[in-house]
C-alpha atoms as a PDB file:
ATOM      1  CA  MET A   1      33.880 -13.237 -32.022  1.00  0.00           C
ATOM      2  CA  THR A   2      31.037 -10.882 -32.999  1.00  0.00           C
ATOM      3  CA  LYS A   3      29.368 -11.705 -36.292  1.00  0.00           C
ATOM      4  CA  LYS A   4      29.198  -8.902 -38.847  1.00  0.00           C
ATOM      5  CA  VAL A   5      26.589  -8.491 -41.569  1.00  0.00           C
ATOM      6  CA  LEU A   6      25.635  -5.993 -44.247  1.00  0.00           C
ATOM      7  CA  VAL A   7      22.059  -4.908 -44.948  1.00  0.00           C
ATOM      8  CA  LEU A   8      21.872  -3.406 -48.433  1.00  0.00           C
ATOM      9  CA  LEU A   9      19.218  -0.747 -49.004  1.00  0.00           C
ATOM     10  CA  ALA A  10      18.299   0.636 -52.418  1.00  0.00           C
ATOM     11  CA  GLU A  11      15.614   3.219 -53.192  1.00  0.00           C
ATOM     12  CA  GLY A  12      12.224   1.534 -52.999  1.00  0.00           C
ATOM     13  CA  PHE A  13      13.161  -1.142 -50.434  1.00  0.00           C
ATOM     14  CA  GLU A  14      10.409  -2.761 -48.344  1.00  0.00           C
ATOM     15  CA  GLU A  15      10.664  -1.051 -44.975  1.00  0.00           C
ATOM     16  CA  VAL A  16       9.512  -3.881 -42.684  1.00  0.00           C
ATOM     17  CA  GLU A  17      11.885  -6.313 -44.395  1.00  0.00           C
ATOM     18  CA  ALA A  18      14.787  -3.992 -43.628  1.00  0.00           C
ATOM     19  CA  VAL A  19      14.001  -2.630 -40.175  1.00  0.00           C
ATOM     20  CA  THR A  20      12.945  -5.965 -38.646  1.00  0.00           C
ATOM     21  CA  PRO A  21      16.215  -7.860 -39.219  1.00  0.00           C
ATOM     22  CA  ILE A  22      18.306  -4.773 -38.382  1.00  0.00           C
ATOM     23  CA  ASP A  23      16.526  -4.542 -35.022  1.00  0.00           C
ATOM     24  CA  TYR A  24      16.425  -8.266 -34.198  1.00  0.00           C
ATOM     25  CA  LEU A  25      20.035  -8.930 -35.194  1.00  0.00           C
ATOM     26  CA  ARG A  26      21.306  -6.011 -33.123  1.00  0.00           C
ATOM     27  CA  ARG A  27      19.300  -7.317 -30.147  1.00  0.00           C
ATOM     28  CA  ALA A  28      21.181 -10.598 -30.637  1.00  0.00           C
ATOM     29  CA  GLY A  29      24.562  -8.851 -30.451  1.00  0.00           C
ATOM     30  CA  ILE A  30      25.285  -9.124 -34.174  1.00  0.00           C
ATOM     31  CA  GLU A  31      27.049  -6.149 -35.752  1.00  0.00           C
ATOM     32  CA  VAL A  32      24.832  -4.766 -38.510  1.00  0.00           C
ATOM     33  CA  GLN A  33      26.127  -2.292 -41.076  1.00  0.00           C
ATOM     34  CA  VAL A  34      23.319  -0.619 -43.023  1.00  0.00           C
ATOM     35  CA  VAL A  35      24.577   0.298 -46.482  1.00  0.00           C
ATOM     36  CA  SER A  36      22.998   2.747 -48.914  1.00  0.00           C
ATOM     37  CA  ILE A  37      22.765   1.696 -52.555  1.00  0.00           C
ATOM     38  CA  ALA A  38      20.812   4.880 -53.271  1.00  0.00           C
ATOM     39  CA  CYS A  39      20.077   6.174 -56.739  1.00  0.00           C
ATOM     40  CA  LYS A  40      21.554   9.541 -55.736  1.00  0.00           C
ATOM     41  CA  ASP A  41      25.267   8.836 -55.719  1.00  0.00           C
ATOM     42  CA  GLY A  42      26.720   8.517 -52.238  1.00  0.00           C
ATOM     43  CA  THR A  43      23.705   9.691 -50.233  1.00  0.00           C
ATOM     44  CA  LEU A  44      23.062   7.981 -46.903  1.00  0.00           C
ATOM     45  CA  GLN A  45      19.323   8.662 -46.912  1.00  0.00           C
ATOM     46  CA  VAL A  46      17.380   5.887 -48.583  1.00  0.00           C
ATOM     47  CA  GLN A  47      13.625   6.064 -49.150  1.00  0.00           C
ATOM     48  CA  GLY A  48      11.553   2.920 -48.921  1.00  0.00           C
ATOM     49  CA  SER A  49       8.645   1.901 -51.120  1.00  0.00           C
ATOM     50  CA  HIS A  50       6.141   3.430 -48.676  1.00  0.00           C
ATOM     51  CA  GLY A  51       7.968   6.705 -48.057  1.00  0.00           C
ATOM     52  CA  LEU A  52       9.924   5.818 -44.911  1.00  0.00           C
ATOM     53  CA  VAL A  53      13.434   7.284 -45.053  1.00  0.00           C
ATOM     54  CA  ILE A  54      16.316   5.468 -43.346  1.00  0.00           C
ATOM     55  CA  LEU A  55      19.715   6.986 -42.682  1.00  0.00           C
ATOM     56  CA  ALA A  56      22.269   4.308 -43.569  1.00  0.00           C
ATOM     57  CA  ASP A  57      25.541   3.844 -41.688  1.00  0.00           C
ATOM     58  CA  CYS A  58      27.569   4.220 -44.882  1.00  0.00           C
ATOM     59  CA  SER A  59      27.283   4.138 -48.653  1.00  0.00           C
ATOM     60  CA  LEU A  60      28.378   1.358 -50.959  1.00  0.00           C
ATOM     61  CA  GLN A  61      30.866   3.816 -52.460  1.00  0.00           C
ATOM     62  CA  GLU A  62      32.438   4.401 -49.032  1.00  0.00           C
ATOM     63  CA  LEU A  63      32.748   0.671 -48.429  1.00  0.00           C
ATOM     64  CA  ALA A  64      34.366   0.224 -51.822  1.00  0.00           C
ATOM     65  CA  LYS A  65      36.899   2.979 -51.112  1.00  0.00           C
ATOM     66  CA  GLU A  66      37.771   1.329 -47.793  1.00  0.00           C
ATOM     67  CA  GLY A  67      38.248  -2.009 -49.536  1.00  0.00           C
ATOM     68  CA  SER A  68      35.469  -3.520 -47.398  1.00  0.00           C
ATOM     69  CA  VAL A  69      33.305  -4.771 -50.249  1.00  0.00           C
ATOM     70  CA  SER A  70      34.621  -8.308 -49.999  1.00  0.00           C
ATOM     71  CA  ALA A  71      33.484 -11.628 -48.612  1.00  0.00           C
ATOM     72  CA  ALA A  72      36.448 -11.700 -46.240  1.00  0.00           C
ATOM     73  CA  SER A  73      35.164  -8.667 -44.321  1.00  0.00           C
ATOM     74  CA  TRP A  74      31.675  -9.956 -43.441  1.00  0.00           C
ATOM     75  CA  ASP A  75      29.798 -13.007 -42.201  1.00  0.00           C
ATOM     76  CA  GLY A  76      26.631 -12.322 -44.165  1.00  0.00           C
ATOM     77  CA  VAL A  77      24.657 -10.047 -46.455  1.00  0.00           C
ATOM     78  CA  LEU A  78      20.924  -9.317 -46.224  1.00  0.00           C
ATOM     79  CA  LEU A  79      18.797  -8.251 -49.187  1.00  0.00           C
ATOM     80  CA  PRO A  80      15.374  -6.769 -48.376  1.00  0.00           C
ATOM     81  CA  GLY A  81      12.788  -6.898 -51.146  1.00  0.00           C
ATOM     82  CA  GLY A  82      10.296  -4.315 -52.271  1.00  0.00           C
ATOM     83  CA  MET A  83       9.960  -2.669 -55.633  1.00  0.00           C
ATOM     84  CA  PRO A  84      11.821  -1.062 -57.194  1.00  0.00           C
ATOM     85  CA  GLY A  85      14.351  -1.729 -54.413  1.00  0.00           C
ATOM     86  CA  ALA A  86      15.109  -5.298 -55.462  1.00  0.00           C
ATOM     87  CA  THR A  87      15.527  -4.180 -59.075  1.00  0.00           C
ATOM     88  CA  HIS A  88      17.996  -1.488 -58.032  1.00  0.00           C
ATOM     89  CA  LEU A  89      19.998  -4.046 -56.038  1.00  0.00           C
ATOM     90  CA  ALA A  90      20.134  -6.381 -59.029  1.00  0.00           C
ATOM     91  CA  ALA A  91      21.240  -3.533 -61.310  1.00  0.00           C
ATOM     92  CA  SER A  92      24.329  -2.775 -59.201  1.00  0.00           C
ATOM     93  CA  GLU A  93      27.397  -4.616 -60.448  1.00  0.00           C
ATOM     94  CA  THR A  94      29.082  -4.033 -57.082  1.00  0.00           C
ATOM     95  CA  VAL A  95      26.146  -5.592 -55.232  1.00  0.00           C
ATOM     96  CA  SER A  96      26.074  -8.570 -57.607  1.00  0.00           C
ATOM     97  CA  ALA A  97      29.807  -9.159 -57.244  1.00  0.00           C
ATOM     98  CA  LEU A  98      29.611  -8.935 -53.447  1.00  0.00           C
ATOM     99  CA  VAL A  99      26.607 -11.255 -53.129  1.00  0.00           C
ATOM    100  CA  TYR A 100      28.141 -13.815 -55.487  1.00  0.00           C
ATOM    101  CA  ALA A 101      31.473 -13.709 -53.631  1.00  0.00           C
ATOM    102  CA  MET A 102      29.736 -14.111 -50.268  1.00  0.00           C
ATOM    103  CA  ALA A 103      27.836 -17.164 -51.501  1.00  0.00           C
ATOM    104  CA  ALA A 104      30.958 -18.685 -53.069  1.00  0.00           C
ATOM    105  CA  ALA A 105      32.843 -18.221 -49.799  1.00  0.00           C
ATOM    106  CA  GLY A 106      30.126 -20.054 -47.870  1.00  0.00           C
ATOM    107  CA  LYS A 107      28.992 -16.889 -46.114  1.00  0.00           C
ATOM    108  CA  LEU A 108      25.340 -16.186 -45.338  1.00  0.00           C
ATOM    109  CA  VAL A 109      23.237 -14.743 -48.153  1.00  0.00           C
ATOM    110  CA  ALA A 110      19.709 -13.875 -47.003  1.00  0.00           C
ATOM    111  CA  ALA A 111      17.021 -12.512 -49.342  1.00  0.00           C
ATOM    112  CA  ILE A 112      13.313 -11.852 -48.906  1.00  0.00           C
ATOM    113  CA  CYS A 113      10.241 -11.018 -50.984  1.00  0.00           C
ATOM    114  CA  ALA A 114      11.239 -10.188 -54.581  1.00  0.00           C
ATOM    115  CA  SER A 115      14.989 -10.377 -53.957  1.00  0.00           C
ATOM    116  CA  PRO A 116      15.388 -14.182 -54.209  1.00  0.00           C
ATOM    117  CA  ALA A 117      13.951 -14.091 -57.735  1.00  0.00           C
ATOM    118  CA  VAL A 118      15.263 -10.690 -58.832  1.00  0.00           C
ATOM    119  CA  VAL A 119      18.743 -10.694 -57.253  1.00  0.00           C
ATOM    120  CA  LEU A 120      19.781 -14.276 -56.400  1.00  0.00           C
ATOM    121  CA  PHE A 121      18.351 -16.192 -59.362  1.00  0.00           C
ATOM    122  CA  PRO A 122      20.167 -14.201 -62.097  1.00  0.00           C
ATOM    123  CA  LEU A 123      23.441 -14.868 -60.258  1.00  0.00           C
ATOM    124  CA  GLY A 124      22.799 -18.619 -60.365  1.00  0.00           C
ATOM    125  CA  LEU A 125      22.657 -18.838 -56.572  1.00  0.00           C
ATOM    126  CA  LEU A 126      19.326 -20.670 -56.420  1.00  0.00           C
ATOM    127  CA  GLN A 127      20.320 -23.420 -58.852  1.00  0.00           C
ATOM    128  CA  GLY A 128      19.354 -26.781 -57.365  1.00  0.00           C
ATOM    129  CA  ARG A 129      18.372 -25.193 -54.059  1.00  0.00           C
ATOM    130  CA  GLY A 130      15.179 -24.886 -52.081  1.00  0.00           C
ATOM    131  CA  PHE A 131      13.872 -21.331 -51.784  1.00  0.00           C
ATOM    132  CA  THR A 132      10.814 -19.182 -51.220  1.00  0.00           C
ATOM    133  CA  CYS A 133       9.839 -15.664 -52.238  1.00  0.00           C
ATOM    134  CA  PHE A 134       6.877 -13.314 -52.627  1.00  0.00           C
ATOM    135  CA  PRO A 135       3.916 -15.251 -54.082  1.00  0.00           C
ATOM    136  CA  GLY A 136       4.047 -15.242 -57.866  1.00  0.00           C
ATOM    137  CA  MET A 137       7.725 -14.298 -58.118  1.00  0.00           C
ATOM    138  CA  GLU A 138       8.675 -17.983 -58.190  1.00  0.00           C
ATOM    139  CA  ALA A 139       7.460 -18.010 -61.818  1.00  0.00           C
ATOM    140  CA  LYS A 140      10.599 -16.041 -62.713  1.00  0.00           C
ATOM    141  CA  VAL A 141      12.850 -18.784 -61.298  1.00  0.00           C
ATOM    142  CA  SER A 142      13.878 -22.055 -62.944  1.00  0.00           C
ATOM    143  CA  GLY A 143      16.218 -24.834 -61.847  1.00  0.00           C
ATOM    144  CA  ALA A 144      15.351 -24.404 -58.159  1.00  0.00           C
ATOM    145  CA  ARG A 145      12.802 -25.891 -55.745  1.00  0.00           C
ATOM    146  CA  TRP A 146      10.162 -23.390 -54.630  1.00  0.00           C
ATOM    147  CA  GLU A 147       8.724 -24.188 -51.194  1.00  0.00           C
ATOM    148  CA  GLU A 148       5.514 -22.787 -49.741  1.00  0.00           C
ATOM    149  CA  GLU A 149       7.004 -21.931 -46.359  1.00  0.00           C
ATOM    150  CA  ALA A 150       7.544 -18.667 -44.497  1.00  0.00           C
ATOM    151  CA  VAL A 151      11.317 -19.175 -44.451  1.00  0.00           C
ATOM    152  CA  VAL A 152      13.516 -21.632 -46.324  1.00  0.00           C
ATOM    153  CA  ARG A 153      17.131 -22.322 -45.424  1.00  0.00           C
ATOM    154  CA  ASP A 154      19.246 -24.284 -47.885  1.00  0.00           C
ATOM    155  CA  GLY A 155      22.888 -24.308 -46.870  1.00  0.00           C
ATOM    156  CA  ASN A 156      24.095 -20.723 -46.582  1.00  0.00           C
ATOM    157  CA  ILE A 157      21.079 -19.283 -48.444  1.00  0.00           C
ATOM    158  CA  ILE A 158      18.076 -18.145 -46.384  1.00  0.00           C
ATOM    159  CA  THR A 159      14.998 -16.868 -48.207  1.00  0.00           C
ATOM    160  CA  SER A 160      11.613 -15.640 -47.057  1.00  0.00           C
ATOM    161  CA  ARG A 161       8.282 -14.517 -48.490  1.00  0.00           C
ATOM    162  CA  GLY A 162       7.528 -10.918 -47.516  1.00  0.00           C
ATOM    163  CA  ALA A 163       6.972  -8.246 -44.896  1.00  0.00           C
ATOM    164  CA  GLY A 164       4.730 -10.498 -42.806  1.00  0.00           C
ATOM    165  CA  THR A 165       7.473 -13.136 -42.525  1.00  0.00           C
ATOM    166  CA  ALA A 166      10.346 -10.706 -41.820  1.00  0.00           C
ATOM    167  CA  GLY A 167      10.454 -11.577 -38.114  1.00  0.00           C
ATOM    168  CA  LEU A 168      10.719 -15.298 -38.835  1.00  0.00           C
ATOM    169  CA  TRP A 169      13.377 -14.562 -41.467  1.00  0.00           C
ATOM    170  CA  ALA A 170      15.368 -12.563 -38.923  1.00  0.00           C
ATOM    171  CA  LYS A 171      15.015 -15.377 -36.377  1.00  0.00           C
ATOM    172  CA  GLU A 172      16.425 -17.926 -38.845  1.00  0.00           C
ATOM    173  CA  ILE A 173      19.302 -15.577 -39.691  1.00  0.00           C
ATOM    174  CA  ILE A 174      20.134 -15.213 -35.990  1.00  0.00           C
ATOM    175  CA  ALA A 175      20.038 -18.998 -35.538  1.00  0.00           C
ATOM    176  CA  TYR A 176      22.423 -19.403 -38.480  1.00  0.00           C
ATOM    177  CA  LEU A 177      24.883 -16.765 -37.251  1.00  0.00           C
ATOM    178  CA  THR A 178      24.743 -17.646 -33.539  1.00  0.00           C
ATOM    179  CA  ASP A 179      22.644 -20.568 -32.297  1.00  0.00           C
ATOM    180  CA  PRO A 180      18.978 -21.622 -32.041  1.00  0.00           C
ATOM    181  CA  ASP A 181      18.748 -20.723 -28.348  1.00  0.00           C
ATOM    182  CA  THR A 182      19.786 -17.126 -28.997  1.00  0.00           C
ATOM    183  CA  ALA A 183      17.316 -16.908 -31.866  1.00  0.00           C
ATOM    184  CA  GLN A 184      14.490 -18.234 -29.712  1.00  0.00           C
ATOM    185  CA  LYS A 185      15.395 -15.833 -26.894  1.00  0.00           C
ATOM    186  CA  ILE A 186      15.079 -12.860 -29.240  1.00  0.00           C
ATOM    187  CA  ALA A 187      11.851 -14.236 -30.732  1.00  0.00           C
ATOM    188  CA  SER A 188      10.358 -14.672 -27.257  1.00  0.00           C
ATOM    189  CA  SER A 189      11.435 -11.189 -26.161  1.00  0.00           C
ATOM    190  CA  VAL A 190       9.502  -9.581 -29.042  1.00  0.00           C
ATOM    191  CA  LEU A 191       6.540 -12.012 -28.796  1.00  0.00           C
ATOM    192  CA  LEU A 192       7.163 -13.339 -32.305  1.00  0.00           C
ATOM    193  CA  PRO A 193       4.517 -15.966 -33.111  1.00  0.00           C
ATOM    194  CA  PRO A 194       5.598 -19.332 -34.505  1.00  0.00           C
ATOM    195  CA  ALA A 195       5.756 -19.905 -38.245  1.00  0.00           C
ATOM    196  CA  PRO A 196       2.421 -20.837 -39.823  1.00  0.00           C
ATOM    197  CA  GLN A 197       2.392 -23.887 -42.056  1.00  0.00           C
ATOM    198  CA  GLY A 198       2.141 -23.409 -45.820  1.00  0.00           C
ATOM    199  CA  VAL A 199       2.045 -19.617 -45.802  1.00  0.00           C
END
């Protein structure tokens, strides 16, 4: 059965951290739904922190109307970082409820850059877990184990550091949702270099 994930984009998202997993996961045969959490109500165009505009597949409002904002409908949710994108994600009650429900149901919750600290930590999802994030953002997190690695997987939570580690983050997500061989095949096809130690 095809795995299905949501990628949530808010105004000011980090472009590389969004486009890379969308591309890699689709190459792996994973169904990716790109969802707009735009400041302008209901718009599908979302502008990143460096001016790149992405046309989402649907808006969060549309998903809510369809009754698809639930853990039962998806296998995972991906949260790109960037500022103020991560802040906008954290400010959405619908996003918070969805992410918390996904984690509670044992579904994949993947966050990168600022999002582990800004979105996951306030929801209590990093408590007692290993994680990583953009350098310096770990100071905002307590009760969790920060690790100086490009990607950290602890149970169903996968975190990563920033735009430069987005490919490795996507590879780990693919391995979680499918298998390591599929993840390595995609990594090899795009010439993704191996993870450096202590990034």
